[in-house]
Amino acid sequence: VLDGEAGLVERRREKLAIVGYATSTRDLAPFNDDSYEIV
């Protein structure tokens, strides 16, 4: 967190994986790929 009230966070990578509950593809997310951040 850089500034919580302003909604500012530090991202460190160029790729993001948004992961939801559906089991159809959830476990395929790149958890072990350090080029992605995961939310």
Full PDB file with SEQRES, HELIX, SHEET, SSBOND, CRYST1, ORIGX, SCALE, CONECT and MASTER records, all heavy atoms in Angstrom:
SEQRES   1 A   39  VAL LEU ASP GLY GLU ALA GLY LEU VAL GLU ARG ARG ARG          
SEQRES   2 A   39  GLU LYS LEU ALA ILE VAL GLY TYR ALA THR SER THR ARG          
SEQRES   3 A   39  ASP LEU ALA PRO PHE ASN ASP ASP SER TYR GLU ILE VAL          
HELIX    1 AA1 ARG A   26  LEU A   28  5                                   3    
SHEET    1 AA1 2 LYS A  15  ALA A  17  0                                        
SHEET    2 AA1 2 TYR A  36  ILE A  38  1                                        
CRYST1    1.000    1.000    1.000  90.00  90.00  90.00 P 1           1          
ORIGX1      1.000000  0.000000  0.000000        0.00000                         
ORIGX2      0.000000  1.000000  0.000000        0.00000                         
ORIGX3      0.000000  0.000000  1.000000        0.00000                         
SCALE1      1.000000  0.000000  0.000000        0.00000                         
SCALE2      0.000000  1.000000  0.000000        0.00000                         
SCALE3      0.000000  0.000000  1.000000        0.00000                         
ATOM      1  N   VAL A   1       0.854  -1.182   0.000  1.00  0.00           N  
ATOM      2  CA  VAL A   1       0.000   0.000   0.000  1.00  0.00           C  
ATOM      3  C   VAL A   1       0.889   1.231   0.000  1.00  0.00           C  
ATOM      4  O   VAL A   1       1.815   1.341   0.799  1.00  0.00           O  
ATOM      5  CB  VAL A   1      -0.907   0.017   1.246  1.00  0.00           C  
ATOM      6  CG1 VAL A   1      -1.729   1.297   1.302  1.00  0.00           C  
ATOM      7  CG2 VAL A   1      -1.799  -1.219   1.284  1.00  0.00           C  
ATOM      8  N   LEU A   2       0.619   2.162  -0.905  1.00  0.00           N  
ATOM      9  CA  LEU A   2       1.323   3.447  -0.923  1.00  0.00           C  
ATOM     10  C   LEU A   2       0.517   4.506  -0.181  1.00  0.00           C  
ATOM     11  O   LEU A   2       1.060   5.245   0.628  1.00  0.00           O  
ATOM     12  CB  LEU A   2       1.603   3.885  -2.359  1.00  0.00           C  
ATOM     13  CG  LEU A   2       2.491   2.957  -3.175  1.00  0.00           C  
ATOM     14  CD1 LEU A   2       2.612   3.443  -4.611  1.00  0.00           C  
ATOM     15  CD2 LEU A   2       3.863   2.813  -2.530  1.00  0.00           C  
ATOM     16  N   ASP A   3      -0.780   4.589  -0.474  1.00  0.00           N  
ATOM     17  CA  ASP A   3      -1.683   5.520   0.207  1.00  0.00           C  
ATOM     18  C   ASP A   3      -3.081   4.918   0.158  1.00  0.00           C  
ATOM     19  O   ASP A   3      -3.753   4.976  -0.871  1.00  0.00           O  
ATOM     20  CB  ASP A   3      -1.646   6.888  -0.485  1.00  0.00           C  
ATOM     21  CG  ASP A   3      -2.484   7.944   0.216  1.00  0.00           C  
ATOM     22  OD1 ASP A   3      -3.476   7.591   0.895  1.00  0.00           O  
ATOM     23  OD2 ASP A   3      -2.167   9.138   0.062  1.00  0.00           O  
ATOM     24  N   GLY A   4      -3.502   4.329   1.263  1.00  0.00           N  
ATOM     25  CA  GLY A   4      -4.776   3.622   1.309  1.00  0.00           C  
ATOM     26  C   GLY A   4      -5.972   4.501   1.018  1.00  0.00           C  
ATOM     27  O   GLY A   4      -6.886   4.106   0.298  1.00  0.00           O  
ATOM     28  N   GLU A   5      -6.020   5.706   1.575  1.00  0.00           N  
ATOM     29  CA  GLU A   5      -7.143   6.617   1.348  1.00  0.00           C  
ATOM     30  C   GLU A   5      -7.233   7.056  -0.104  1.00  0.00           C  
ATOM     31  O   GLU A   5      -8.316   7.201  -0.648  1.00  0.00           O  
ATOM     32  CB  GLU A   5      -7.039   7.851   2.234  1.00  0.00           C  
ATOM     33  CG  GLU A   5      -7.696   7.763   3.573  1.00  0.00           C  
ATOM     34  CD  GLU A   5      -9.141   7.275   3.550  1.00  0.00           C  
ATOM     35  OE1 GLU A   5      -9.978   7.812   2.795  1.00  0.00           O  
ATOM     36  OE2 GLU A   5      -9.431   6.340   4.293  1.00  0.00           O  
ATOM     37  N   ALA A   6      -6.086   7.279  -0.733  1.00  0.00           N  
ATOM     38  CA  ALA A   6      -6.054   7.712  -2.136  1.00  0.00           C  
ATOM     39  C   ALA A   6      -6.226   6.538  -3.097  1.00  0.00           C  
ATOM     40  O   ALA A   6      -6.342   6.740  -4.311  1.00  0.00           O  
ATOM     41  CB  ALA A   6      -4.748   8.443  -2.438  1.00  0.00           C  
ATOM     42  N   GLY A   7      -6.229   5.312  -2.583  1.00  0.00           N  
ATOM     43  CA  GLY A   7      -6.381   4.136  -3.436  1.00  0.00           C  
ATOM     44  C   GLY A   7      -5.127   3.791  -4.204  1.00  0.00           C  
ATOM     45  O   GLY A   7      -5.198   3.211  -5.286  1.00  0.00           O  
ATOM     46  N   LEU A   8      -3.978   4.130  -3.642  1.00  0.00           N  
ATOM     47  CA  LEU A   8      -2.716   3.899  -4.348  1.00  0.00           C  
ATOM     48  C   LEU A   8      -1.980   2.689  -3.789  1.00  0.00           C  
ATOM     49  O   LEU A   8      -1.719   2.604  -2.590  1.00  0.00           O  
ATOM     50  CB  LEU A   8      -1.820   5.134  -4.244  1.00  0.00           C  
ATOM     51  CG  LEU A   8      -2.388   6.418  -4.853  1.00  0.00           C  
ATOM     52  CD1 LEU A   8      -1.445   7.577  -4.571  1.00  0.00           C  
ATOM     53  CD2 LEU A   8      -2.643   6.253  -6.337  1.00  0.00           C  
ATOM     54  N   VAL A   9      -1.641   1.776  -4.687  1.00  0.00           N  
ATOM     55  CA  VAL A   9      -0.843   0.602  -4.334  1.00  0.00           C  
ATOM     56  C   VAL A   9       0.318   0.502  -5.315  1.00  0.00           C  
ATOM     57  O   VAL A   9       0.274   1.056  -6.409  1.00  0.00           O  
ATOM     58  CB  VAL A   9      -1.674  -0.697  -4.357  1.00  0.00           C  
ATOM     59  CG1 VAL A   9      -2.770  -0.663  -3.317  1.00  0.00           C  
ATOM     60  CG2 VAL A   9      -2.235  -0.972  -5.736  1.00  0.00           C  
ATOM     61  N   GLU A  10       1.328  -0.204  -4.899  1.00  0.00           N  
ATOM     62  CA  GLU A  10       2.494  -0.423  -5.750  1.00  0.00           C  
ATOM     63  C   GLU A  10       2.328  -1.742  -6.492  1.00  0.00           C  
ATOM     64  O   GLU A  10       2.177  -2.788  -5.873  1.00  0.00           O  
ATOM     65  CB  GLU A  10       3.743  -0.488  -4.876  1.00  0.00           C  
ATOM     66  CG  GLU A  10       4.987  -0.876  -5.612  1.00  0.00           C  
ATOM     67  CD  GLU A  10       6.147  -1.133  -4.672  1.00  0.00           C  
ATOM     68  OE1 GLU A  10       5.957  -1.829  -3.652  1.00  0.00           O  
ATOM     69  OE2 GLU A  10       7.229  -0.635  -4.983  1.00  0.00           O  
ATOM     70  N   ARG A  11       2.331  -1.669  -7.802  1.00  0.00           N  
ATOM     71  CA  ARG A  11       2.364  -2.913  -8.570  1.00  0.00           C  
ATOM     72  C   ARG A  11       3.814  -3.115  -8.983  1.00  0.00           C  
ATOM     73  O   ARG A  11       4.543  -2.154  -9.230  1.00  0.00           O  
ATOM     74  CB  ARG A  11       1.415  -2.882  -9.759  1.00  0.00           C  
ATOM     75  CG  ARG A  11       1.934  -2.149 -10.954  1.00  0.00           C  
ATOM     76  CD  ARG A  11       1.115  -2.482 -12.199  1.00  0.00           C  
ATOM     77  NE  ARG A  11       1.458  -1.610 -13.281  1.00  0.00           N  
ATOM     78  CZ  ARG A  11       2.541  -1.751 -14.050  1.00  0.00           C  
ATOM     79  NH1 ARG A  11       3.375  -2.739 -13.852  1.00  0.00           N  
ATOM     80  NH2 ARG A  11       2.799  -0.890 -15.005  1.00  0.00           N  
ATOM     81  N   ARG A  12       4.221  -4.361  -9.069  1.00  0.00           N  
ATOM     82  CA  ARG A  12       5.622  -4.656  -9.363  1.00  0.00           C  
ATOM     83  C   ARG A  12       5.814  -5.436 -10.657  1.00  0.00           C  
ATOM     84  O   ARG A  12       6.943  -5.706 -11.042  1.00  0.00           O  
ATOM     85  CB  ARG A  12       6.237  -5.425  -8.201  1.00  0.00           C  
ATOM     86  CG  ARG A  12       6.290  -4.584  -6.939  1.00  0.00           C  
ATOM     87  CD  ARG A  12       7.011  -5.269  -5.847  1.00  0.00           C  
ATOM     88  NE  ARG A  12       7.260  -4.321  -4.768  1.00  0.00           N  
ATOM     89  CZ  ARG A  12       7.968  -4.615  -3.717  1.00  0.00           C  
ATOM     90  NH1 ARG A  12       8.504  -5.813  -3.584  1.00  0.00           N  
ATOM     91  NH2 ARG A  12       8.149  -3.719  -2.781  1.00  0.00           N  
ATOM     92  N   ARG A  13       4.721  -5.805 -11.298  1.00  0.00           N  
ATOM     93  CA  ARG A  13       4.809  -6.617 -12.508  1.00  0.00           C  
ATOM     94  C   ARG A  13       3.913  -6.055 -13.599  1.00  0.00           C  
ATOM     95  O   ARG A  13       3.063  -5.215 -13.339  1.00  0.00           O  
ATOM     96  CB  ARG A  13       4.453  -8.065 -12.180  1.00  0.00           C  
ATOM     97  CG  ARG A  13       5.430  -8.596 -11.118  1.00  0.00           C  
ATOM     98  CD  ARG A  13       5.240 -10.009 -10.785  1.00  0.00           C  
ATOM     99  NE  ARG A  13       6.223 -10.396  -9.774  1.00  0.00           N  
ATOM    100  CZ  ARG A  13       6.045 -11.349  -8.899  1.00  0.00           C  
ATOM    101  NH1 ARG A  13       4.928 -12.051  -8.908  1.00  0.00           N  
ATOM    102  NH2 ARG A  13       6.982 -11.640  -8.023  1.00  0.00           N  
ATOM    103  N   GLU A  14       4.093  -6.545 -14.814  1.00  0.00           N  
ATOM    104  CA  GLU A  14       3.338  -6.048 -15.965  1.00  0.00           C  
ATOM    105  C   GLU A  14       2.058  -6.842 -16.233  1.00  0.00           C  
ATOM    106  O   GLU A  14       1.226  -6.411 -17.019  1.00  0.00           O  
ATOM    107  CB  GLU A  14       4.216  -6.081 -17.226  1.00  0.00           C  
ATOM    108  CG  GLU A  14       5.427  -5.167 -17.148  1.00  0.00           C  
ATOM    109  CD  GLU A  14       5.040  -3.700 -17.065  1.00  0.00           C  
ATOM    110  OE1 GLU A  14       4.125  -3.274 -17.792  1.00  0.00           O  
ATOM    111  OE2 GLU A  14       5.649  -2.976 -16.247  1.00  0.00           O  
ATOM    112  N   LYS A  15       1.929  -8.009 -15.609  1.00  0.00           N  
ATOM    113  CA  LYS A  15       0.782  -8.879 -15.872  1.00  0.00           C  
ATOM    114  C   LYS A  15      -0.007  -9.109 -14.587  1.00  0.00           C  
ATOM    115  O   LYS A  15       0.573  -9.207 -13.500  1.00  0.00           O  
ATOM    116  CB  LYS A  15       1.245 -10.242 -16.391  1.00  0.00           C  
ATOM    117  CG  LYS A  15       2.024 -10.200 -17.685  1.00  0.00           C  
ATOM    118  CD  LYS A  15       2.474 -11.608 -18.036  1.00  0.00           C  
ATOM    119  CE  LYS A  15       3.377 -11.661 -19.229  1.00  0.00           C  
ATOM    120  NZ  LYS A  15       3.816 -13.061 -19.464  1.00  0.00           N  
ATOM    121  N   LEU A  16      -1.323  -9.227 -14.757  1.00  0.00           N  
ATOM    122  CA  LEU A  16      -2.218  -9.479 -13.625  1.00  0.00           C  
ATOM    123  C   LEU A  16      -3.160 -10.616 -13.979  1.00  0.00           C  
ATOM    124  O   LEU A  16      -3.704 -10.670 -15.084  1.00  0.00           O  
ATOM    125  CB  LEU A  16      -3.053  -8.229 -13.310  1.00  0.00           C  
ATOM    126  CG  LEU A  16      -4.055  -8.382 -12.167  1.00  0.00           C  
ATOM    127  CD1 LEU A  16      -3.339  -8.479 -10.821  1.00  0.00           C  
ATOM    128  CD2 LEU A  16      -5.054  -7.229 -12.167  1.00  0.00           C  
ATOM    129  N   ALA A  17      -3.368 -11.510 -13.028  1.00  0.00           N  
ATOM    130  CA  ALA A  17      -4.388 -12.549 -13.157  1.00  0.00           C  
ATOM    131  C   ALA A  17      -5.463 -12.269 -12.116  1.00  0.00           C  
ATOM    132  O   ALA A  17      -5.172 -12.180 -10.921  1.00  0.00           O  
ATOM    133  CB  ALA A  17      -3.792 -13.938 -12.953  1.00  0.00           C  
ATOM    134  N   ILE A  18      -6.693 -12.091 -12.580  1.00  0.00           N  
ATOM    135  CA  ILE A  18      -7.851 -11.933 -11.710  1.00  0.00           C  
ATOM    136  C   ILE A  18      -8.447 -13.322 -11.549  1.00  0.00           C  
ATOM    137  O   ILE A  18      -8.779 -13.978 -12.536  1.00  0.00           O  
ATOM    138  CB  ILE A  18      -8.877 -10.966 -12.331  1.00  0.00           C  
ATOM    139  CG1 ILE A  18      -8.246  -9.579 -12.522  1.00  0.00           C  
ATOM    140  CG2 ILE A  18     -10.132 -10.894 -11.466  1.00  0.00           C  
ATOM    141  CD1 ILE A  18      -9.106  -8.607 -13.316  1.00  0.00           C  
ATOM    142  N   VAL A  19      -8.576 -13.778 -10.302  1.00  0.00           N  
ATOM    143  CA  VAL A  19      -8.994 -15.159 -10.057  1.00  0.00           C  
ATOM    144  C   VAL A  19     -10.286 -15.193  -9.255  1.00  0.00           C  
ATOM    145  O   VAL A  19     -10.359 -14.639  -8.155  1.00  0.00           O  
ATOM    146  CB  VAL A  19      -7.894 -15.958  -9.331  1.00  0.00           C  
ATOM    147  CG1 VAL A  19      -8.314 -17.420  -9.180  1.00  0.00           C  
ATOM    148  CG2 VAL A  19      -6.573 -15.853 -10.074  1.00  0.00           C  
ATOM    149  N   GLY A  20     -11.302 -15.858  -9.833  1.00  0.00           N  
ATOM    150  CA  GLY A  20     -12.588 -16.034  -9.182  1.00  0.00           C  
ATOM    151  C   GLY A  20     -12.821 -17.469  -8.752  1.00  0.00           C  
ATOM    152  O   GLY A  20     -11.918 -18.313  -8.822  1.00  0.00           O  
ATOM    153  N   TYR A  21     -14.032 -17.756  -8.331  1.00  0.00           N  
ATOM    154  CA  TYR A  21     -14.376 -19.038  -7.719  1.00  0.00           C  
ATOM    155  C   TYR A  21     -14.596 -20.206  -8.679  1.00  0.00           C  
ATOM    156  O   TYR A  21     -14.492 -21.358  -8.281  1.00  0.00           O  
ATOM    157  CB  TYR A  21     -15.668 -18.889  -6.898  1.00  0.00           C  
ATOM    158  CG  TYR A  21     -15.457 -18.255  -5.555  1.00  0.00           C  
ATOM    159  CD1 TYR A  21     -15.601 -16.887  -5.387  1.00  0.00           C  
ATOM    160  CD2 TYR A  21     -15.128 -19.020  -4.454  1.00  0.00           C  
ATOM    161  CE1 TYR A  21     -15.419 -16.297  -4.159  1.00  0.00           C  
ATOM    162  CE2 TYR A  21     -14.945 -18.444  -3.215  1.00  0.00           C  
ATOM    163  CZ  TYR A  21     -15.097 -17.076  -3.071  1.00  0.00           C  
ATOM    164  OH  TYR A  21     -14.912 -16.507  -1.847  1.00  0.00           O  
ATOM    165  N   ALA A  22     -14.958 -19.956  -9.920  1.00  0.00           N  
ATOM    166  CA  ALA A  22     -15.364 -21.042 -10.813  1.00  0.00           C  
ATOM    167  C   ALA A  22     -14.247 -22.068 -10.974  1.00  0.00           C  
ATOM    168  O   ALA A  22     -13.137 -21.746 -11.394  1.00  0.00           O  
ATOM    169  CB  ALA A  22     -15.774 -20.494 -12.173  1.00  0.00           C  
ATOM    170  N   THR A  23     -14.549 -23.306 -10.640  1.00  0.00           N  
ATOM    171  CA  THR A  23     -13.546 -24.361 -10.676  1.00  0.00           C  
ATOM    172  C   THR A  23     -13.166 -24.772 -12.093  1.00  0.00           C  
ATOM    173  O   THR A  23     -12.182 -25.477 -12.283  1.00  0.00           O  
ATOM    174  CB  THR A  23     -14.024 -25.596  -9.896  1.00  0.00           C  
ATOM    175  OG1 THR A  23     -15.275 -26.020 -10.432  1.00  0.00           O  
ATOM    176  CG2 THR A  23     -14.176 -25.273  -8.421  1.00  0.00           C  
ATOM    177  N   SER A  24     -13.923 -24.306 -13.081  1.00  0.00           N  
ATOM    178  CA  SER A  24     -13.617 -24.668 -14.469  1.00  0.00           C  
ATOM    179  C   SER A  24     -12.228 -24.200 -14.888  1.00  0.00           C  
ATOM    180  O   SER A  24     -11.550 -24.881 -15.653  1.00  0.00           O  
ATOM    181  CB  SER A  24     -14.675 -24.087 -15.407  1.00  0.00           C  
ATOM    182  OG  SER A  24     -14.762 -22.681 -15.230  1.00  0.00           O  
ATOM    183  N   THR A  25     -11.780 -23.036 -14.393  1.00  0.00           N  
ATOM    184  CA  THR A  25     -10.453 -22.519 -14.779  1.00  0.00           C  
ATOM    185  C   THR A  25      -9.645 -21.950 -13.617  1.00  0.00           C  
ATOM    186  O   THR A  25      -8.493 -21.566 -13.810  1.00  0.00           O  
ATOM    187  CB  THR A  25     -10.587 -21.419 -15.856  1.00  0.00           C  
ATOM    188  OG1 THR A  25     -11.408 -20.356 -15.337  1.00  0.00           O  
ATOM    189  CG2 THR A  25     -11.183 -21.966 -17.141  1.00  0.00           C  
ATOM    190  N   ARG A  26     -10.215 -21.890 -12.428  1.00  0.00           N  
ATOM    191  CA  ARG A  26      -9.537 -21.273 -11.281  1.00  0.00           C  
ATOM    192  C   ARG A  26      -8.135 -21.838 -11.052  1.00  0.00           C  
ATOM    193  O   ARG A  26      -7.172 -21.093 -10.850  1.00  0.00           O  
ATOM    194  CB  ARG A  26     -10.390 -21.449 -10.026  1.00  0.00           C  
ATOM    195  CG  ARG A  26      -9.746 -20.878  -8.780  1.00  0.00           C  
ATOM    196  CD  ARG A  26     -10.592 -21.116  -7.549  1.00  0.00           C  
ATOM    197  NE  ARG A  26     -10.586 -22.523  -7.186  1.00  0.00           N  
ATOM    198  CZ  ARG A  26     -11.571 -23.118  -6.529  1.00  0.00           C  
ATOM    199  NH1 ARG A  26     -12.649 -22.453  -6.189  1.00  0.00           N  
ATOM    200  NH2 ARG A  26     -11.486 -24.391  -6.224  1.00  0.00           N  
ATOM    201  N   ASP A  27      -8.004 -23.127 -11.082  1.00  0.00           N  
ATOM    202  CA  ASP A  27      -6.720 -23.757 -10.765  1.00  0.00           C  
ATOM    203  C   ASP A  27      -5.698 -23.650 -11.897  1.00  0.00           C  
ATOM    204  O   ASP A  27      -4.555 -24.056 -11.731  1.00  0.00           O  
ATOM    205  CB  ASP A  27      -6.936 -25.220 -10.379  1.00  0.00           C  
ATOM    206  CG  ASP A  27      -7.764 -25.335  -9.105  1.00  0.00           C  
ATOM    207  OD1 ASP A  27      -7.742 -24.389  -8.291  1.00  0.00           O  
ATOM    208  OD2 ASP A  27      -8.440 -26.366  -8.931  1.00  0.00           O  
ATOM    209  N   LEU A  28      -6.097 -23.086 -13.043  1.00  0.00           N  
ATOM    210  CA  LEU A  28      -5.172 -22.874 -14.157  1.00  0.00           C  
ATOM    211  C   LEU A  28      -4.437 -21.533 -14.046  1.00  0.00           C  
ATOM    212  O   LEU A  28      -3.542 -21.250 -14.847  1.00  0.00           O  
ATOM    213  CB  LEU A  28      -5.931 -22.926 -15.491  1.00  0.00           C  
ATOM    214  CG  LEU A  28      -6.657 -24.241 -15.800  1.00  0.00           C  
ATOM    215  CD1 LEU A  28      -7.455 -24.098 -17.084  1.00  0.00           C  
ATOM    216  CD2 LEU A  28      -5.677 -25.391 -15.873  1.00  0.00           C  
ATOM    217  N   ALA A  29      -4.813 -20.719 -13.059  1.00  0.00           N  
ATOM    218  CA  ALA A  29      -4.182 -19.405 -12.887  1.00  0.00           C  
ATOM    219  C   ALA A  29      -2.668 -19.576 -12.669  1.00  0.00           C  
ATOM    220  O   ALA A  29      -2.217 -20.593 -12.125  1.00  0.00           O  
ATOM    221  CB  ALA A  29      -4.807 -18.673 -11.711  1.00  0.00           C  
ATOM    222  N   PRO A  30      -1.878 -18.587 -13.074  1.00  0.00           N  
ATOM    223  CA  PRO A  30      -0.415 -18.695 -13.030  1.00  0.00           C  
ATOM    224  C   PRO A  30       0.193 -18.413 -11.643  1.00  0.00           C  
ATOM    225  O   PRO A  30       1.014 -17.522 -11.470  1.00  0.00           O  
ATOM    226  CB  PRO A  30       0.021 -17.642 -14.051  1.00  0.00           C  
ATOM    227  CG  PRO A  30      -1.047 -16.598 -13.964  1.00  0.00           C  
ATOM    228  CD  PRO A  30      -2.324 -17.360 -13.738  1.00  0.00           C  
ATOM    229  N   PHE A  31      -0.199 -19.199 -10.662  1.00  0.00           N  
ATOM    230  CA  PHE A  31       0.273 -18.998  -9.291  1.00  0.00           C  
ATOM    231  C   PHE A  31       1.783 -19.145  -9.170  1.00  0.00           C  
ATOM    232  O   PHE A  31       2.410 -18.495  -8.334  1.00  0.00           O  
ATOM    233  CB  PHE A  31      -0.416 -19.980  -8.336  1.00  0.00           C  
ATOM    234  CG  PHE A  31      -1.905 -19.843  -8.306  1.00  0.00           C  
ATOM    235  CD1 PHE A  31      -2.722 -20.865  -8.767  1.00  0.00           C  
ATOM    236  CD2 PHE A  31      -2.504 -18.680  -7.842  1.00  0.00           C  
ATOM    237  CE1 PHE A  31      -4.101 -20.739  -8.749  1.00  0.00           C  
ATOM    238  CE2 PHE A  31      -3.881 -18.540  -7.815  1.00  0.00           C  
ATOM    239  CZ  PHE A  31      -4.682 -19.582  -8.275  1.00  0.00           C  
ATOM    240  N   ASN A  32       2.383 -19.990 -10.005  1.00  0.00           N  
ATOM    241  CA  ASN A  32       3.822 -20.235  -9.930  1.00  0.00           C  
ATOM    242  C   ASN A  32       4.610 -19.532 -11.024  1.00  0.00           C  
ATOM    243  O   ASN A  32       5.758 -19.885 -11.280  1.00  0.00           O  
ATOM    244  CB  ASN A  32       4.091 -21.742  -9.956  1.00  0.00           C  
ATOM    245  CG  ASN A  32       3.531 -22.423  -8.729  1.00  0.00           C  
ATOM    246  OD1 ASN A  32       3.712 -21.952  -7.607  1.00  0.00           O  
ATOM    247  ND2 ASN A  32       2.803 -23.510  -8.929  1.00  0.00           N  
ATOM    248  N   ASP A  33       4.009 -18.528 -11.628  1.00  0.00           N  
ATOM    249  CA  ASP A  33       4.667 -17.727 -12.658  1.00  0.00           C  
ATOM    250  C   ASP A  33       4.930 -16.346 -12.081  1.00  0.00           C  
ATOM    251  O   ASP A  33       4.004 -15.568 -11.853  1.00  0.00           O  
ATOM    252  CB  ASP A  33       3.758 -17.647 -13.888  1.00  0.00           C  
ATOM    253  CG  ASP A  33       4.359 -16.857 -15.041  1.00  0.00           C  
ATOM    254  OD1 ASP A  33       5.308 -16.083 -14.818  1.00  0.00           O  
ATOM    255  OD2 ASP A  33       3.843 -16.997 -16.166  1.00  0.00           O  
ATOM    256  N   ASP A  34       6.179 -16.042 -11.831  1.00  0.00           N  
ATOM    257  CA  ASP A  34       6.495 -14.774 -11.171  1.00  0.00           C  
ATOM    258  C   ASP A  34       6.447 -13.560 -12.089  1.00  0.00           C  
ATOM    259  O   ASP A  34       6.807 -12.461 -11.695  1.00  0.00           O  
ATOM    260  CB  ASP A  34       7.826 -14.844 -10.418  1.00  0.00           C  
ATOM    261  CG  ASP A  34       9.017 -15.036 -11.322  1.00  0.00           C  
ATOM    262  OD1 ASP A  34       8.870 -15.007 -12.554  1.00  0.00           O  
ATOM    263  OD2 ASP A  34      10.122 -15.226 -10.783  1.00  0.00           O  
ATOM    264  N   SER A  35       5.950 -13.735 -13.314  1.00  0.00           N  
ATOM    265  CA  SER A  35       5.723 -12.568 -14.163  1.00  0.00           C  
ATOM    266  C   SER A  35       4.316 -11.995 -13.945  1.00  0.00           C  
ATOM    267  O   SER A  35       3.998 -10.928 -14.449  1.00  0.00           O  
ATOM    268  CB  SER A  35       5.939 -12.914 -15.644  1.00  0.00           C  
ATOM    269  OG  SER A  35       4.940 -13.784 -16.123  1.00  0.00           O  
ATOM    270  N   TYR A  36       3.473 -12.710 -13.181  1.00  0.00           N  
ATOM    271  CA  TYR A  36       2.111 -12.286 -12.888  1.00  0.00           C  
ATOM    272  C   TYR A  36       1.962 -11.876 -11.431  1.00  0.00           C  
ATOM    273  O   TYR A  36       2.541 -12.495 -10.536  1.00  0.00           O  
ATOM    274  CB  TYR A  36       1.113 -13.428 -13.109  1.00  0.00           C  
ATOM    275  CG  TYR A  36       0.702 -13.639 -14.532  1.00  0.00           C  
ATOM    276  CD1 TYR A  36       1.432 -14.486 -15.354  1.00  0.00           C  
ATOM    277  CD2 TYR A  36      -0.423 -13.018 -15.051  1.00  0.00           C  
ATOM    278  CE1 TYR A  36       1.053 -14.702 -16.666  1.00  0.00           C  
ATOM    279  CE2 TYR A  36      -0.814 -13.237 -16.365  1.00  0.00           C  
ATOM    280  CZ  TYR A  36      -0.071 -14.074 -17.162  1.00  0.00           C  
ATOM    281  OH  TYR A  36      -0.449 -14.294 -18.459  1.00  0.00           O  
ATOM    282  N   GLU A  37       1.116 -10.873 -11.219  1.00  0.00           N  
ATOM    283  CA  GLU A  37       0.567 -10.625  -9.893  1.00  0.00           C  
ATOM    284  C   GLU A  37      -0.827 -11.241  -9.903  1.00  0.00           C  
ATOM    285  O   GLU A  37      -1.470 -11.338 -10.950  1.00  0.00           O  
ATOM    286  CB  GLU A  37       0.516  -9.127  -9.583  1.00  0.00           C  
ATOM    287  CG  GLU A  37       1.915  -8.601  -9.359  1.00  0.00           C  
ATOM    288  CD  GLU A  37       1.991  -7.145  -8.979  1.00  0.00           C  
ATOM    289  OE1 GLU A  37       1.285  -6.312  -9.589  1.00  0.00           O  
ATOM    290  OE2 GLU A  37       2.787  -6.837  -8.079  1.00  0.00           O  
ATOM    291  N   ILE A  38      -1.280 -11.662  -8.731  1.00  0.00           N  
ATOM    292  CA  ILE A  38      -2.556 -12.351  -8.592  1.00  0.00           C  
ATOM    293  C   ILE A  38      -3.454 -11.527  -7.691  1.00  0.00           C  
ATOM    294  O   ILE A  38      -3.032 -11.061  -6.629  1.00  0.00           O  
ATOM    295  CB  ILE A  38      -2.363 -13.751  -7.949  1.00  0.00           C  
ATOM    296  CG1 ILE A  38      -1.337 -14.597  -8.701  1.00  0.00           C  
ATOM    297  CG2 ILE A  38      -3.705 -14.464  -7.777  1.00  0.00           C  
ATOM    298  CD1 ILE A  38      -1.766 -15.133 -10.025  1.00  0.00           C  
ATOM    299  N   VAL A  39      -4.712 -11.356  -8.111  1.00  0.00           N  
ATOM    300  CA  VAL A  39      -5.714 -10.731  -7.250  1.00  0.00           C  
ATOM    301  C   VAL A  39      -6.912 -11.667  -7.148  1.00  0.00           C  
ATOM    302  O   VAL A  39      -7.404 -12.180  -8.146  1.00  0.00           O  
ATOM    303  CB  VAL A  39      -6.126  -9.318  -7.732  1.00  0.00           C  
ATOM    304  CG1 VAL A  39      -6.734  -9.339  -9.119  1.00  0.00           C  
ATOM    305  CG2 VAL A  39      -7.072  -8.654  -6.736  1.00  0.00           C  
TER     306      VAL A  39                                                      
MASTER        0    0    0    1    2    0    0    6  305    1    0    3          
END                                                                             
